[in-house]
Amino acid sequence: MKVFSLKGRLNRQLGIALCLVLIAQWFASSLVMRSLFENKLNHDLSSQMDLLTSVLQREGKQWRIDESRVPVLYQRPYSGHYYRVIVGGQLFESRSVWDHDWAKQSSVYRQNYWMGPDGQTLHSASRDFQKQGSKVSLWVAEDVSEFEQDLTRWQLYNAIFSSLVLLGFLMFQRYSVAHSMSPLTDIQQQLKALQSGNILQLDEVPLQEIQPLVQEINRLLSALDKRLSRSREAASNLAHSLKTHLGRLQISSEGTPPGFQNELEALNSQLARLIDRETSRMRIQGQGAREFQTDPLPILNALTESLPKLYPEKPLVLTLDADPNVKMPVDPDDLFELGGILLDNACKWARKQIVVSVVSGRLTIQDDGLPPSADLLEVIGTRGVRADQQTKGSGLGLSMAHDIATLYDAELAYDASPQLGGLRVSLSWASLKTNPS
């Protein structure tokens, strides 16, 4: 499925709509301005034709125009006001035409528009009528060059103003869309907090379209929480019942042959460790991760001092090198359990020396035991497989360590120790800057 940005789509669609509206406004306003001017100009030209019709007089068989009644605009050369009258084979032109040759120099480039003398743009009107039994053809024109320039200038200003308005609308629209969608950002932050375990429900949002979704998510969370609580309670009851029966079985084995009793005791011990391991795993997976900043130094100090005492048959030497400023995003109890599992595993396999270091948020534990083979590293690195499940110890195993690390988005890596030759286990977080130790 193709992923798209709702914010980007809204901005694009609204921006395109605004552009089309402003472009339509620009064309419509230009047409209205031209139409208003042409209507006024046609009215003026019609009045001029009425005046010229009145000054056209017939004397016998000849026609003449009473120049004394003709406006002075028609008598000044290239004044921008022109007329032509054809009647009874006679042609009368205004003096303003001067020496302009209409046939050679004038052309119609738009309806009622001509290219006139001296580069002028003329708007014309004509009328054919009968006067005193003779056909009269009357044509008048007026220079509209200044109007064309003013209209072009107005269109430019209108385009600049429309562009500024468009820019302002786009900026306001971008802010308005971002502000309107801010509840989605809040929900995103709440989902992250929900994932980390800091909250159990999403807050109500002041957005009518999103509110039903938030309510459904909260109902789903409540249902899952109840289901998980019932599952944990049932598993806890089962574990308690199994331990009770194991205890009774252990008591009942008294008086049996020593070999059978020892085998039954070992089996009970293994089953008890299995129950503890699964119960602890269920607790960790059910509680949810939260944002922590735990100082690992006190925890590691306690572990390095106490764990060697569990292996009195080994002359173990544990060295701790930890940056006192490092904080780890893990619950202190879980860090204690995780560190205990990893250190206990190192104590099992080390001959003498174990080095624990914490640098730039990475916890590294390495021992001087047997070099791990490639097959062993592959098995250890597989989730849920305990390479040391047959070895006597605390009993939680590396699979438990893997579960805790996964809960806190951490990564467990296994390789051969270049310093001591045994196994090196590294615990790191992608969110922290890590350097190899």
Protein backbone atom coordinates (compact mmCIF):
# COMPACT_ATOMS: atom_id res chain seq x y z
CA MET A 1 0.00 0.00 0.00
CA LYS A 2 1.35 3.39 -0.98
CA VAL A 3 1.89 5.67 2.00
CA PHE A 4 1.07 9.36 1.61
CA SER A 5 1.13 12.41 3.82
CA LEU A 6 -2.30 13.67 4.80
CA LYS A 7 -0.84 17.06 5.69
CA GLY A 8 0.96 17.27 2.34
CA ARG A 9 -2.16 16.23 0.43
CA LEU A 10 -4.31 18.85 2.19
CA ASN A 11 -1.71 21.56 1.56
CA ARG A 12 -1.43 20.62 -2.12
CA GLN A 13 -5.16 20.41 -2.75
CA LEU A 14 -5.97 23.64 -0.93
CA GLY A 15 -3.02 25.37 -2.60
CA ILE A 16 -4.19 24.29 -6.07
CA ALA A 17 -7.74 25.40 -5.26
CA LEU A 18 -6.51 28.82 -4.13
CA CYS A 19 -4.36 29.19 -7.26
CA LEU A 20 -7.32 28.38 -9.51
CA VAL A 21 -9.58 30.81 -7.62
CA LEU A 22 -7.07 33.67 -7.84
CA ILE A 23 -6.33 33.00 -11.52
CA ALA A 24 -10.07 32.99 -12.25
CA GLN A 25 -10.39 36.22 -10.26
CA TRP A 26 -7.59 37.78 -12.30
CA PHE A 27 -9.19 36.91 -15.64
CA ALA A 28 -12.69 37.82 -14.49
CA SER A 29 -11.63 41.20 -13.09
CA SER A 30 -9.73 42.02 -16.30
CA LEU A 31 -12.77 41.13 -18.42
CA VAL A 32 -15.05 43.19 -16.20
CA MET A 33 -12.73 46.21 -16.36
CA ARG A 34 -12.54 46.00 -20.16
CA SER A 35 -16.27 45.46 -20.49
CA LEU A 36 -17.09 48.50 -18.31
CA PHE A 37 -14.67 50.68 -20.26
CA GLU A 38 -15.99 49.52 -23.64
CA ASN A 39 -19.58 50.13 -22.58
CA LYS A 40 -18.73 53.68 -21.56
CA LEU A 41 -16.66 54.21 -24.71
CA ASN A 42 -19.46 52.91 -26.97
CA HIS A 43 -21.86 55.29 -25.26
CA ASP A 44 -19.48 58.20 -25.90
CA LEU A 45 -18.96 57.18 -29.52
CA SER A 46 -22.71 56.88 -30.01
CA SER A 47 -23.11 60.43 -28.72
CA GLN A 48 -20.38 61.59 -31.11
CA MET A 49 -22.16 59.92 -34.03
CA ASP A 50 -25.39 61.67 -33.08
CA LEU A 51 -23.52 64.98 -33.08
CA LEU A 52 -21.91 64.30 -36.48
CA THR A 53 -25.26 63.28 -37.90
CA SER A 54 -26.69 66.62 -36.80
CA VAL A 55 -23.85 68.66 -38.38
CA LEU A 56 -24.11 66.79 -41.69
CA GLN A 57 -26.08 69.13 -43.98
CA ARG A 58 -27.23 69.00 -47.60
CA GLU A 59 -27.01 72.02 -49.86
CA GLY A 60 -28.59 71.22 -53.20
CA LYS A 61 -26.94 68.07 -54.46
CA GLN A 62 -23.86 68.44 -52.28
CA TRP A 63 -23.29 67.54 -48.68
CA ARG A 64 -21.19 69.38 -46.19
CA ILE A 65 -20.24 69.24 -42.52
CA ASP A 66 -20.60 72.33 -40.41
CA GLU A 67 -17.06 72.51 -39.04
CA SER A 68 -18.03 75.23 -36.57
CA ARG A 69 -20.11 72.71 -34.68
CA VAL A 70 -17.56 69.89 -34.82
CA PRO A 71 -15.64 69.46 -31.50
CA VAL A 72 -12.07 70.72 -31.58
CA LEU A 73 -10.80 67.19 -30.79
CA TYR A 74 -11.55 66.23 -34.39
CA GLN A 75 -9.54 69.13 -35.77
CA ARG A 76 -6.20 68.66 -33.98
CA PRO A 77 -3.78 66.34 -35.89
CA TYR A 78 -3.50 62.84 -34.40
CA SER A 79 -5.64 63.87 -31.45
CA GLY A 80 -6.92 60.34 -30.98
CA HIS A 81 -10.47 61.20 -32.13
CA TYR A 82 -11.36 60.49 -35.75
CA TYR A 83 -14.38 60.22 -38.02
CA ARG A 84 -15.18 59.34 -41.61
CA VAL A 85 -18.46 60.06 -43.36
CA ILE A 86 -19.46 58.69 -46.76
CA VAL A 87 -22.61 60.10 -48.27
CA GLY A 88 -23.70 60.61 -51.91
CA GLY A 89 -20.27 59.61 -53.19
CA GLN A 90 -18.60 62.22 -50.99
CA LEU A 91 -16.00 61.40 -48.30
CA PHE A 92 -15.53 63.56 -45.23
CA GLU A 93 -12.68 62.92 -42.76
CA SER A 94 -11.77 64.72 -39.60
CA ARG A 95 -8.76 67.03 -39.74
CA SER A 96 -7.21 64.97 -36.96
CA VAL A 97 -6.55 62.21 -39.52
CA TRP A 98 -4.05 64.56 -41.13
CA ASP A 99 -2.08 62.64 -43.77
CA HIS A 100 -2.80 59.15 -42.48
CA ASP A 101 -3.55 56.61 -45.20
CA TRP A 102 -6.20 54.31 -43.74
CA ALA A 103 -5.96 51.83 -46.57
CA LYS A 104 -2.24 51.30 -46.17
CA GLN A 105 -1.56 51.82 -42.50
CA SER A 106 -4.63 50.67 -40.62
CA SER A 107 -5.74 47.15 -39.88
CA VAL A 108 -8.31 45.52 -37.71
CA TYR A 109 -6.62 43.29 -35.07
CA ARG A 110 -9.72 42.72 -32.95
CA GLN A 111 -13.43 43.40 -33.39
CA ASN A 112 -13.91 47.20 -33.35
CA TYR A 113 -10.19 47.70 -32.69
CA TRP A 114 -7.80 49.24 -35.22
CA MET A 115 -4.18 50.15 -35.45
CA GLY A 116 -4.44 53.87 -36.14
CA PRO A 117 -2.03 56.70 -36.96
CA ASP A 118 1.07 57.33 -34.88
CA GLY A 119 0.90 53.80 -33.40
CA GLN A 120 -2.39 54.49 -31.69
CA THR A 121 -4.85 51.75 -30.75
CA LEU A 122 -8.32 52.79 -31.84
CA HIS A 123 -11.71 51.57 -30.71
CA SER A 124 -14.32 52.27 -33.39
CA ALA A 125 -18.04 52.31 -33.94
CA SER A 126 -20.02 52.68 -37.17
CA ARG A 127 -23.55 53.40 -38.26
CA ASP A 128 -25.37 53.21 -41.58
CA PHE A 129 -28.58 55.17 -41.99
CA GLN A 130 -30.67 57.24 -44.43
CA LYS A 131 -30.79 61.00 -44.33
CA GLN A 132 -32.84 63.07 -46.73
CA GLY A 133 -33.06 60.11 -49.10
CA SER A 134 -29.32 59.42 -49.18
CA LYS A 135 -27.42 56.55 -47.59
CA VAL A 136 -24.95 57.69 -44.99
CA SER A 137 -22.06 55.58 -43.64
CA LEU A 138 -20.60 57.04 -40.46
CA TRP A 139 -17.49 55.76 -38.68
CA VAL A 140 -15.91 57.19 -35.52
CA ALA A 141 -12.90 56.03 -33.51
CA GLU A 142 -11.12 56.96 -30.31
CA ASP A 143 -7.58 56.24 -29.12
CA VAL A 144 -7.56 53.73 -26.24
CA SER A 145 -3.77 53.30 -25.95
CA GLU A 146 -3.69 54.87 -22.50
CA PHE A 147 -6.48 52.58 -21.32
CA GLU A 148 -4.62 49.53 -22.69
CA GLN A 149 -1.49 50.61 -20.82
CA ASP A 150 -3.48 51.29 -17.66
CA LEU A 151 -5.21 47.92 -17.98
CA THR A 152 -1.88 46.13 -18.46
CA ARG A 153 -0.45 47.95 -15.44
CA TRP A 154 -3.54 47.12 -13.39
CA GLN A 155 -3.30 43.46 -14.42
CA LEU A 156 0.33 43.41 -13.30
CA TYR A 157 -0.51 44.97 -9.95
CA ASN A 158 -3.45 42.61 -9.60
CA ALA A 159 -1.18 39.62 -10.33
CA ILE A 160 1.38 40.81 -7.75
CA PHE A 161 -1.32 41.43 -5.16
CA SER A 162 -2.94 38.06 -5.92
CA SER A 163 0.45 36.35 -5.56
CA LEU A 164 0.98 38.00 -2.18
CA VAL A 165 -2.52 37.02 -1.12
CA LEU A 166 -1.86 33.48 -2.34
CA LEU A 167 1.40 33.34 -0.40
CA GLY A 168 -0.33 34.63 2.72
CA PHE A 169 -3.15 32.11 2.33
CA LEU A 170 -0.68 29.27 1.81
CA MET A 171 1.28 30.23 4.92
CA PHE A 172 -1.91 30.54 6.96
CA GLN A 173 -3.21 27.30 5.49
CA ARG A 174 0.04 25.49 6.30
CA TYR A 175 -0.13 26.74 9.88
CA SER A 176 -3.85 25.96 10.14
CA VAL A 177 -3.41 22.40 8.83
CA ALA A 178 -0.42 21.78 11.11
CA HIS A 179 -2.33 23.21 14.09
CA SER A 180 -5.42 21.18 13.26
CA MET A 181 -3.37 17.99 13.02
CA SER A 182 -1.39 18.62 16.22
CA PRO A 183 -3.64 16.17 18.13
CA LEU A 184 -2.29 13.44 15.83
CA THR A 185 1.24 14.35 16.95
CA ASP A 186 0.07 14.16 20.55
CA ILE A 187 -1.40 10.73 19.89
CA GLN A 188 1.88 9.63 18.31
CA GLN A 189 3.77 10.71 21.42
CA GLN A 190 1.23 8.98 23.63
CA LEU A 191 1.58 5.78 21.61
CA LYS A 192 5.33 5.88 22.20
CA ALA A 193 4.72 6.42 25.91
CA LEU A 194 2.20 3.57 25.82
CA GLN A 195 4.75 1.31 24.14
CA SER A 196 7.36 2.17 26.77
CA GLY A 197 4.86 1.51 29.57
CA ASN A 198 4.71 5.05 30.94
CA ILE A 199 0.94 5.25 30.41
CA LEU A 200 -1.83 2.66 30.23
CA GLN A 201 -4.44 4.59 28.23
CA LEU A 202 -4.50 7.30 25.59
CA ASP A 203 -5.78 10.73 26.62
CA GLU A 204 -8.90 12.19 25.07
CA VAL A 205 -8.20 14.45 22.08
CA PRO A 206 -10.15 17.60 21.08
CA LEU A 207 -10.65 16.34 17.52
CA GLN A 208 -14.05 14.94 16.68
CA GLU A 209 -12.79 12.81 13.77
CA ILE A 210 -10.04 11.15 15.85
CA GLN A 211 -11.93 10.73 19.12
CA PRO A 212 -13.71 7.47 18.09
CA LEU A 213 -10.35 5.94 17.11
CA VAL A 214 -8.81 6.88 20.47
CA GLN A 215 -11.81 5.42 22.31
CA GLU A 216 -11.56 2.15 20.37
CA ILE A 217 -7.83 1.91 21.09
CA ASN A 218 -8.46 2.48 24.80
CA ARG A 219 -11.18 -0.18 24.83
CA LEU A 220 -8.80 -2.58 23.09
CA LEU A 221 -6.05 -1.80 25.60
CA SER A 222 -8.41 -2.41 28.50
CA ALA A 223 -9.52 -5.73 27.03
CA LEU A 224 -5.93 -6.83 26.41
CA ASP A 225 -4.88 -5.78 29.89
CA LYS A 226 -7.71 -7.77 31.46
CA ARG A 227 -6.89 -10.77 29.30
CA LEU A 228 -3.20 -10.54 30.20
CA SER A 229 -4.01 -10.20 33.91
CA ARG A 230 -6.20 -13.30 33.78
CA SER A 231 -3.47 -15.20 31.92
CA ARG A 232 -0.81 -14.16 34.44
CA GLU A 233 -3.06 -15.05 37.35
CA ALA A 234 -3.86 -18.46 35.86
CA ALA A 235 -0.18 -19.14 35.15
CA SER A 236 0.78 -18.03 38.67
CA ASN A 237 -1.85 -20.32 40.18
CA LEU A 238 -0.60 -23.17 38.02
CA ALA A 239 3.01 -22.52 39.07
CA HIS A 240 2.02 -22.44 42.75
CA SER A 241 0.05 -25.67 42.38
CA LEU A 242 2.94 -27.40 40.57
CA LYS A 243 5.42 -26.35 43.25
CA THR A 244 3.06 -27.62 45.95
CA HIS A 245 2.76 -30.99 44.26
CA LEU A 246 6.51 -31.13 43.66
CA GLY A 247 7.05 -30.51 47.35
CA ARG A 248 4.62 -33.27 48.26
CA LEU A 249 6.32 -35.55 45.77
CA GLN A 250 9.69 -34.76 47.34
CA ILE A 251 8.34 -35.58 50.79
CA SER A 252 6.74 -38.77 49.51
CA SER A 253 10.08 -39.93 48.10
CA GLU A 254 11.58 -40.24 51.56
CA GLY A 255 12.29 -43.86 52.37
CA THR A 256 12.77 -44.84 48.74
CA PRO A 257 16.07 -46.25 47.48
CA PRO A 258 18.84 -43.59 47.48
CA GLY A 259 19.37 -43.75 43.71
CA PHE A 260 15.71 -43.17 42.97
CA GLN A 261 15.50 -40.44 45.60
CA ASN A 262 18.51 -38.57 44.15
CA GLU A 263 17.13 -38.79 40.62
CA LEU A 264 13.72 -37.57 41.79
CA GLU A 265 15.35 -34.69 43.69
CA ALA A 266 17.31 -33.63 40.61
CA LEU A 267 14.13 -33.81 38.50
CA ASN A 268 12.20 -31.75 41.03
CA SER A 269 15.00 -29.20 41.09
CA GLN A 270 14.99 -28.89 37.29
CA LEU A 271 11.19 -28.54 37.21
CA ALA A 272 11.30 -25.88 39.93
CA ARG A 273 13.91 -23.92 37.99
CA LEU A 274 11.82 -24.22 34.83
CA ILE A 275 8.74 -22.93 36.66
CA ASP A 276 10.74 -20.01 38.12
CA ARG A 277 12.19 -19.16 34.73
CA GLU A 278 8.84 -19.13 32.93
CA THR A 279 7.15 -17.23 35.75
CA SER A 280 9.87 -14.59 35.68
CA ARG A 281 9.66 -14.36 31.90
CA MET A 282 5.91 -13.85 32.09
CA ARG A 283 6.36 -11.08 34.68
CA ILE A 284 8.82 -9.23 32.48
CA GLN A 285 6.78 -9.53 29.29
CA GLY A 286 3.60 -8.50 31.06
CA GLN A 287 4.80 -5.44 32.90
CA GLY A 288 5.83 -3.45 29.79
CA ALA A 289 8.95 -1.39 29.38
CA ARG A 290 9.25 2.13 30.77
CA GLU A 291 11.75 4.88 30.34
CA PHE A 292 14.51 4.44 32.94
CA GLN A 293 17.92 5.99 33.52
CA THR A 294 19.64 3.50 35.81
CA ASP A 295 23.16 3.80 37.13
CA PRO A 296 24.69 0.34 36.47
CA LEU A 297 27.75 0.81 38.71
CA PRO A 298 26.18 -0.08 42.13
CA ILE A 299 24.40 -3.09 40.61
CA LEU A 300 27.53 -4.41 38.92
CA ASN A 301 29.59 -3.84 42.07
CA ALA A 302 27.15 -5.94 44.07
CA LEU A 303 27.13 -8.71 41.45
CA THR A 304 30.91 -8.87 41.04
CA GLU A 305 31.30 -9.17 44.81
CA SER A 306 28.60 -11.80 45.39
CA LEU A 307 28.66 -14.14 42.39
CA PRO A 308 32.23 -15.49 42.80
CA LYS A 309 31.15 -16.81 46.22
CA LEU A 310 28.83 -19.24 44.43
CA TYR A 311 31.86 -20.89 42.84
CA PRO A 312 34.31 -21.42 45.72
CA GLU A 313 36.10 -24.14 43.77
CA LYS A 314 37.32 -21.52 41.23
CA PRO A 315 39.90 -18.78 41.94
CA LEU A 316 37.81 -16.23 40.06
CA VAL A 317 39.09 -12.67 39.64
CA LEU A 318 36.44 -10.20 38.44
CA THR A 319 37.56 -6.81 37.13
CA LEU A 320 35.02 -3.99 36.78
CA ASP A 321 35.69 -1.00 34.55
CA ALA A 322 32.59 1.24 34.38
CA ASP A 323 32.08 4.84 33.38
CA PRO A 324 30.37 6.50 36.38
CA ASN A 325 28.43 8.86 34.09
CA VAL A 326 26.72 6.14 32.04
CA LYS A 327 22.99 5.59 32.52
CA MET A 328 21.09 2.65 31.07
CA PRO A 329 17.43 2.71 29.94
CA VAL A 330 16.38 -0.33 31.98
CA ASP A 331 14.61 -0.97 35.27
CA PRO A 332 17.10 -1.48 38.15
CA ASP A 333 15.59 -4.86 39.12
CA ASP A 334 15.70 -6.09 35.54
CA LEU A 335 19.28 -4.83 35.14
CA PHE A 336 20.21 -6.71 38.30
CA GLU A 337 18.61 -9.87 36.95
CA LEU A 338 20.10 -9.44 33.49
CA GLY A 339 23.59 -8.70 34.82
CA GLY A 340 23.29 -11.63 37.23
CA ILE A 341 22.43 -14.03 34.40
CA LEU A 342 25.32 -12.88 32.21
CA LEU A 343 27.86 -12.83 35.06
CA ASP A 344 26.67 -16.20 36.34
CA ASN A 345 27.14 -17.63 32.85
CA ALA A 346 30.66 -16.16 32.73
CA CYS A 347 31.49 -17.60 36.18
CA LYS A 348 30.38 -21.05 35.03
CA TRP A 349 32.74 -21.15 32.07
CA ALA A 350 35.66 -18.96 33.16
CA ARG A 351 38.86 -20.56 34.38
CA LYS A 352 40.01 -17.60 36.42
CA GLN A 353 39.52 -14.13 34.94
CA ILE A 354 36.38 -12.15 34.07
CA VAL A 355 36.35 -8.55 32.84
CA VAL A 356 33.21 -6.41 33.08
CA SER A 357 33.18 -3.01 31.36
CA VAL A 358 30.61 -0.29 30.73
CA VAL A 359 31.61 2.24 28.11
CA SER A 360 29.30 4.60 26.17
CA GLY A 361 26.19 2.70 27.18
CA ARG A 362 27.49 -0.76 26.24
CA LEU A 363 27.85 -3.48 28.86
CA THR A 364 30.49 -6.07 27.99
CA ILE A 365 31.30 -9.23 29.93
CA GLN A 366 34.17 -11.46 28.79
CA ASP A 367 35.85 -14.49 30.34
CA ASP A 368 38.96 -16.63 29.82
CA GLY A 369 37.08 -19.90 29.32
CA LEU A 370 37.25 -22.14 26.29
CA PRO A 371 37.06 -20.30 22.96
CA PRO A 372 33.49 -20.54 21.65
CA SER A 373 33.01 -22.33 18.36
CA ALA A 374 30.99 -20.86 15.52
CA ASP A 375 28.25 -23.43 16.09
CA LEU A 376 28.09 -22.56 19.78
CA LEU A 377 27.83 -18.83 19.02
CA GLU A 378 25.00 -19.51 16.62
CA VAL A 379 23.12 -21.54 19.25
CA ILE A 380 23.69 -18.98 22.01
CA GLY A 381 22.50 -16.18 19.78
CA THR A 382 19.23 -17.99 19.01
CA ARG A 383 16.37 -16.74 21.11
CA GLY A 384 14.93 -19.30 23.54
CA VAL A 385 17.89 -21.70 23.37
CA ARG A 386 20.06 -22.10 26.48
CA ALA A 387 23.52 -23.40 25.72
CA ASP A 388 24.14 -23.95 29.45
CA GLN A 389 20.83 -25.52 30.49
CA GLN A 390 22.57 -28.67 31.76
CA THR A 391 25.04 -26.73 33.88
CA LYS A 392 24.27 -26.15 37.54
CA GLY A 393 23.72 -22.51 38.38
CA SER A 394 21.06 -19.91 39.10
CA GLY A 395 18.88 -21.52 36.46
CA LEU A 396 17.42 -18.60 34.51
CA GLY A 397 19.68 -19.03 31.48
CA LEU A 398 20.63 -16.82 28.54
CA SER A 399 17.15 -17.09 27.03
CA MET A 400 15.86 -15.15 30.03
CA ALA A 401 18.56 -12.53 29.42
CA HIS A 402 17.46 -12.32 25.81
CA ASP A 403 13.84 -11.74 26.87
CA ILE A 404 14.83 -8.91 29.21
CA ALA A 405 17.04 -7.30 26.55
CA THR A 406 14.27 -7.54 23.95
CA LEU A 407 11.81 -5.88 26.33
CA TYR A 408 14.03 -2.79 26.52
CA ASP A 409 14.92 -2.71 22.80
CA ALA A 410 18.45 -3.82 23.60
CA GLU A 411 20.65 -6.22 21.65
CA LEU A 412 22.72 -9.11 22.98
CA ALA A 413 25.74 -10.02 20.87
CA TYR A 414 28.03 -13.02 21.35
CA ASP A 415 31.55 -13.42 19.99
CA ALA A 416 35.03 -14.57 21.01
CA SER A 417 36.87 -12.31 23.41
CA PRO A 418 39.97 -10.84 21.74
CA GLN A 419 41.34 -9.94 25.19
CA LEU A 420 40.81 -13.14 27.21
CA GLY A 421 40.08 -15.74 24.55
CA GLY A 422 36.76 -16.96 25.95
CA LEU A 423 33.21 -15.74 25.34
CA ARG A 424 32.36 -12.05 25.09
CA VAL A 425 28.77 -10.95 25.63
CA SER A 426 27.80 -7.37 24.70
CA LEU A 427 24.59 -5.63 25.70
CA SER A 428 23.86 -2.43 23.78
CA TRP A 429 21.01 -0.08 22.85
CA ALA A 430 20.49 1.34 19.39
CA SER A 431 19.41 4.65 20.97
CA LEU A 432 22.80 5.05 22.70
CA LYS A 433 26.16 5.74 21.13
CA THR A 434 28.23 2.59 21.41
CA ASN A 435 31.89 1.88 20.96
CA PRO A 436 33.45 -1.55 20.92
CA SER A 437 35.27 -2.35 24.13
